[in-house]
Amino acid sequence: MEWVKDKVIIELCPRIHEFNKLQSATGAVVCNIDKAEYLLDEIIGLAGEILSALKQSDYALQLNTDLREWKKAGLNTVPCFKRSLDSYEPPVDGGKTFYLATIITPNSHKEKGYWLECFWLNENNPMSCCQLCLIYHTHKMSAKPCT
């Protein structure tokens, strides 16, 4: 599974950070739509590989649907991750997991908002899984409503 971690850190995260530069705090893309579409296609492909390796197939299908629908509606619209959010299952203790969505994080950007983010958990630490579940349920309860 080391290759999955490397794929997240070396390939996916830099693309997400580039994508973030094109977003507003609502999650919508506000400039360079062509570049954003190109980056999102790469992000979709990488996320699919990662989720396949982790056997998160239902979540992968729903995430792919959410991302493609956002692209179809226009990346300059506020994204909706309801399908993938509803289908995501936090791991049991010692499990590995991957998650991608527009997430409000307190320390990742200069401005609080819904930025495209991902997290990768690869630990045998029960506390990490508990913290992840808390983050997930907090995010699910505070997720931006889809219109």
C-alpha atoms as a PDB file:
ATOM      1  CA  MET A   1       0.000   0.000   0.000  1.00  0.00           C
ATOM      2  CA  GLU A   2       2.996   2.310   0.027  1.00  0.00           C
ATOM      3  CA  TRP A   3       2.326   3.152  -3.620  1.00  0.00           C
ATOM      4  CA  VAL A   4      -1.166   4.420  -2.665  1.00  0.00           C
ATOM      5  CA  LYS A   5       0.303   6.772  -0.075  1.00  0.00           C
ATOM      6  CA  ASP A   6       2.840   7.985  -2.636  1.00  0.00           C
ATOM      7  CA  LYS A   7       0.088   8.512  -5.212  1.00  0.00           C
ATOM      8  CA  VAL A   8      -1.855  10.658  -2.731  1.00  0.00           C
ATOM      9  CA  ILE A   9       1.145  12.697  -1.577  1.00  0.00           C
ATOM     10  CA  ILE A  10       3.195  12.992  -4.771  1.00  0.00           C
ATOM     11  CA  GLU A  11       0.540  13.019  -7.485  1.00  0.00           C
ATOM     12  CA  LEU A  12      -2.870  13.943  -6.103  1.00  0.00           C
ATOM     13  CA  CYS A  13      -2.151  16.591  -3.456  1.00  0.00           C
ATOM     14  CA  PRO A  14      -0.170  18.890  -5.791  1.00  0.00           C
ATOM     15  CA  ARG A  15      -3.055  18.814  -8.297  1.00  0.00           C
ATOM     16  CA  ILE A  16      -5.580  19.591  -5.571  1.00  0.00           C
ATOM     17  CA  HIS A  17      -3.436  22.515  -4.385  1.00  0.00           C
ATOM     18  CA  GLU A  18      -3.282  23.855  -7.950  1.00  0.00           C
ATOM     19  CA  PHE A  19      -7.048  23.421  -8.233  1.00  0.00           C
ATOM     20  CA  ASN A  20      -7.535  25.335  -4.950  1.00  0.00           C
ATOM     21  CA  LYS A  21      -5.840  28.383  -6.467  1.00  0.00           C
ATOM     22  CA  LEU A  22      -8.723  28.572  -8.948  1.00  0.00           C
ATOM     23  CA  GLN A  23     -11.506  28.261  -6.343  1.00  0.00           C
ATOM     24  CA  SER A  24     -13.400  30.725  -4.193  1.00  0.00           C
ATOM     25  CA  ALA A  25     -14.343  29.944  -0.595  1.00  0.00           C
ATOM     26  CA  THR A  26     -17.695  28.581  -1.856  1.00  0.00           C
ATOM     27  CA  GLY A  27     -15.880  25.797  -3.704  1.00  0.00           C
ATOM     28  CA  ALA A  28     -16.781  27.249  -7.108  1.00  0.00           C
ATOM     29  CA  VAL A  29     -14.018  27.844  -9.635  1.00  0.00           C
ATOM     30  CA  VAL A  30     -13.613  31.566 -10.311  1.00  0.00           C
ATOM     31  CA  CYS A  31     -10.873  31.684 -12.939  1.00  0.00           C
ATOM     32  CA  ASN A  32      -9.185  29.620 -15.641  1.00  0.00           C
ATOM     33  CA  ILE A  33     -12.011  27.106 -16.101  1.00  0.00           C
ATOM     34  CA  ASP A  34     -10.087  25.186 -18.789  1.00  0.00           C
ATOM     35  CA  LYS A  35      -7.178  24.561 -16.423  1.00  0.00           C
ATOM     36  CA  ALA A  36      -9.619  23.606 -13.642  1.00  0.00           C
ATOM     37  CA  GLU A  37     -11.364  21.075 -15.916  1.00  0.00           C
ATOM     38  CA  TYR A  38      -8.024  19.554 -16.889  1.00  0.00           C
ATOM     39  CA  LEU A  39      -6.943  19.312 -13.240  1.00  0.00           C
ATOM     40  CA  LEU A  40     -10.295  17.866 -12.187  1.00  0.00           C
ATOM     41  CA  ASP A  41     -10.033  15.154 -14.846  1.00  0.00           C
ATOM     42  CA  GLU A  42      -6.617  14.215 -13.450  1.00  0.00           C
ATOM     43  CA  ILE A  43      -7.963  14.309  -9.885  1.00  0.00           C
ATOM     44  CA  ILE A  44     -10.885  12.052 -10.869  1.00  0.00           C
ATOM     45  CA  GLY A  45      -8.507   9.521 -12.432  1.00  0.00           C
ATOM     46  CA  LEU A  46      -6.116   9.484  -9.494  1.00  0.00           C
ATOM     47  CA  ALA A  47      -8.913   9.260  -6.931  1.00  0.00           C
ATOM     48  CA  GLY A  48     -10.385   6.335  -8.873  1.00  0.00           C
ATOM     49  CA  GLU A  49      -7.077   4.439  -8.759  1.00  0.00           C
ATOM     50  CA  ILE A  50      -6.672   5.103  -5.035  1.00  0.00           C
ATOM     51  CA  LEU A  51     -10.229   4.103  -4.162  1.00  0.00           C
ATOM     52  CA  SER A  52     -10.006   0.964  -6.286  1.00  0.00           C
ATOM     53  CA  ALA A  53      -6.878  -0.128  -4.437  1.00  0.00           C
ATOM     54  CA  LEU A  54      -8.615   0.501  -1.104  1.00  0.00           C
ATOM     55  CA  LYS A  55     -11.755  -1.350  -2.251  1.00  0.00           C
ATOM     56  CA  GLN A  56     -13.985   1.664  -1.598  1.00  0.00           C
ATOM     57  CA  SER A  57     -16.034   0.931  -4.717  1.00  0.00           C
ATOM     58  CA  ASP A  58     -19.412   2.402  -3.748  1.00  0.00           C
ATOM     59  CA  TYR A  59     -17.812   5.605  -2.516  1.00  0.00           C
ATOM     60  CA  ALA A  60     -15.700   5.740  -5.698  1.00  0.00           C
ATOM     61  CA  LEU A  61     -18.800   5.452  -7.889  1.00  0.00           C
ATOM     62  CA  GLN A  62     -20.668   8.165  -5.989  1.00  0.00           C
ATOM     63  CA  LEU A  63     -17.638  10.473  -5.884  1.00  0.00           C
ATOM     64  CA  ASN A  64     -17.131  10.062  -9.611  1.00  0.00           C
ATOM     65  CA  THR A  65     -20.813  10.921 -10.181  1.00  0.00           C
ATOM     66  CA  ASP A  66     -20.604  14.008  -7.930  1.00  0.00           C
ATOM     67  CA  LEU A  67     -17.432  15.271  -9.629  1.00  0.00           C
ATOM     68  CA  ARG A  68     -18.717  14.680 -13.160  1.00  0.00           C
ATOM     69  CA  GLU A  69     -22.050  16.349 -12.359  1.00  0.00           C
ATOM     70  CA  TRP A  70     -20.179  19.360 -10.990  1.00  0.00           C
ATOM     71  CA  LYS A  71     -18.182  19.516 -14.192  1.00  0.00           C
ATOM     72  CA  LYS A  72     -21.362  19.169 -16.288  1.00  0.00           C
ATOM     73  CA  ALA A  73     -23.139  21.936 -14.316  1.00  0.00           C
ATOM     74  CA  GLY A  74     -20.061  24.110 -14.666  1.00  0.00           C
ATOM     75  CA  LEU A  75     -17.130  24.331 -12.305  1.00  0.00           C
ATOM     76  CA  ASN A  76     -18.096  27.952 -11.694  1.00  0.00           C
ATOM     77  CA  THR A  77     -21.076  26.585  -9.701  1.00  0.00           C
ATOM     78  CA  VAL A  78     -20.980  25.483  -6.070  1.00  0.00           C
ATOM     79  CA  PRO A  79     -20.207  21.733  -5.967  1.00  0.00           C
ATOM     80  CA  CYS A  80     -22.466  19.161  -4.353  1.00  0.00           C
ATOM     81  CA  PHE A  81     -20.938  16.058  -2.797  1.00  0.00           C
ATOM     82  CA  LYS A  82     -24.136  14.640  -1.273  1.00  0.00           C
ATOM     83  CA  ARG A  83     -23.975  11.245  -2.990  1.00  0.00           C
ATOM     84  CA  SER A  84     -20.379  10.587  -2.033  1.00  0.00           C
ATOM     85  CA  LEU A  85     -20.801  12.040   1.443  1.00  0.00           C
ATOM     86  CA  ASP A  86     -23.775   9.746   2.092  1.00  0.00           C
ATOM     87  CA  SER A  87     -21.943   6.670   0.770  1.00  0.00           C
ATOM     88  CA  TYR A  88     -18.627   7.184   2.594  1.00  0.00           C
ATOM     89  CA  GLU A  89     -17.940   4.704   5.390  1.00  0.00           C
ATOM     90  CA  PRO A  90     -15.244   5.615   7.928  1.00  0.00           C
ATOM     91  CA  PRO A  91     -12.798   2.753   8.498  1.00  0.00           C
ATOM     92  CA  VAL A  92     -12.716   0.397  11.408  1.00  0.00           C
ATOM     93  CA  ASP A  93      -9.701   0.688  13.702  1.00  0.00           C
ATOM     94  CA  GLY A  94      -6.535  -0.070  11.814  1.00  0.00           C
ATOM     95  CA  GLY A  95      -8.183   0.536   8.467  1.00  0.00           C
ATOM     96  CA  LYS A  96      -6.983   2.559   5.536  1.00  0.00           C
ATOM     97  CA  THR A  97      -9.210   5.121   3.906  1.00  0.00           C
ATOM     98  CA  PHE A  98      -9.297   7.954   1.425  1.00  0.00           C
ATOM     99  CA  TYR A  99     -11.782  10.834   1.228  1.00  0.00           C
ATOM    100  CA  LEU A 100     -12.171  13.706  -1.244  1.00  0.00           C
ATOM    101  CA  ALA A 101     -14.707  16.554  -1.147  1.00  0.00           C
ATOM    102  CA  THR A 102     -15.057  20.261  -0.583  1.00  0.00           C
ATOM    103  CA  ILE A 103     -14.277  20.409   3.104  1.00  0.00           C
ATOM    104  CA  ILE A 104     -14.122  23.271   5.569  1.00  0.00           C
ATOM    105  CA  THR A 105     -10.752  22.930   7.232  1.00  0.00           C
ATOM    106  CA  PRO A 106      -9.507  25.336   9.884  1.00  0.00           C
ATOM    107  CA  ASN A 107      -5.890  25.559   8.778  1.00  0.00           C
ATOM    108  CA  SER A 108      -5.460  24.707   5.117  1.00  0.00           C
ATOM    109  CA  HIS A 109      -6.190  28.030   3.444  1.00  0.00           C
ATOM    110  CA  LYS A 110      -5.953  31.728   4.089  1.00  0.00           C
ATOM    111  CA  GLU A 111      -9.745  31.921   4.144  1.00  0.00           C
ATOM    112  CA  LYS A 112     -12.245  29.568   5.766  1.00  0.00           C
ATOM    113  CA  GLY A 113     -14.370  27.956   3.094  1.00  0.00           C
ATOM    114  CA  TYR A 114     -15.301  24.896   1.070  1.00  0.00           C
ATOM    115  CA  TRP A 115     -12.022  23.964  -0.633  1.00  0.00           C
ATOM    116  CA  LEU A 116     -11.448  20.755  -2.556  1.00  0.00           C
ATOM    117  CA  GLU A 117      -9.406  18.627  -0.154  1.00  0.00           C
ATOM    118  CA  CYS A 118      -8.546  15.022   0.474  1.00  0.00           C
ATOM    119  CA  PHE A 119      -7.317  12.965   3.368  1.00  0.00           C
ATOM    120  CA  TRP A 120      -5.572   9.624   3.553  1.00  0.00           C
ATOM    121  CA  LEU A 121      -5.504   7.548   6.734  1.00  0.00           C
ATOM    122  CA  ASN A 122      -3.021   4.706   6.915  1.00  0.00           C
ATOM    123  CA  GLU A 123      -2.532   3.950  10.585  1.00  0.00           C
ATOM    124  CA  ASN A 124      -3.084   1.244  13.135  1.00  0.00           C
ATOM    125  CA  ASN A 125      -3.925   3.891  15.670  1.00  0.00           C
ATOM    126  CA  PRO A 126      -7.475   3.533  17.049  1.00  0.00           C
ATOM    127  CA  MET A 127      -7.436   7.193  18.113  1.00  0.00           C
ATOM    128  CA  SER A 128      -6.815   8.298  14.519  1.00  0.00           C
ATOM    129  CA  CYS A 129      -9.862   6.349  13.348  1.00  0.00           C
ATOM    130  CA  CYS A 130     -11.951   7.881  16.143  1.00  0.00           C
ATOM    131  CA  GLN A 131     -10.752  11.361  15.203  1.00  0.00           C
ATOM    132  CA  LEU A 132     -11.530  10.644  11.551  1.00  0.00           C
ATOM    133  CA  CYS A 133     -15.059   9.528  12.428  1.00  0.00           C
ATOM    134  CA  LEU A 134     -15.578  12.718  14.423  1.00  0.00           C
ATOM    135  CA  ILE A 135     -14.294  14.854  11.531  1.00  0.00           C
ATOM    136  CA  TYR A 136     -16.460  12.955   9.054  1.00  0.00           C
ATOM    137  CA  HIS A 137     -19.658  13.248  11.089  1.00  0.00           C
ATOM    138  CA  THR A 138     -18.980  16.932  11.821  1.00  0.00           C
ATOM    139  CA  HIS A 139     -18.405  17.539   8.097  1.00  0.00           C
ATOM    140  CA  LYS A 140     -21.527  15.590   7.167  1.00  0.00           C
ATOM    141  CA  MET A 141     -23.624  17.672   9.540  1.00  0.00           C
ATOM    142  CA  SER A 142     -22.123  20.960   8.325  1.00  0.00           C
ATOM    143  CA  ALA A 143     -21.974  20.091   4.633  1.00  0.00           C
ATOM    144  CA  LYS A 144     -23.209  22.777   2.323  1.00  0.00           C
ATOM    145  CA  PRO A 145     -26.757  21.976   1.198  1.00  0.00           C
ATOM    146  CA  CYS A 146     -27.054  21.099  -2.462  1.00  0.00           C
ATOM    147  CA  THR A 147     -29.495  22.999  -4.600  1.00  0.00           C
END
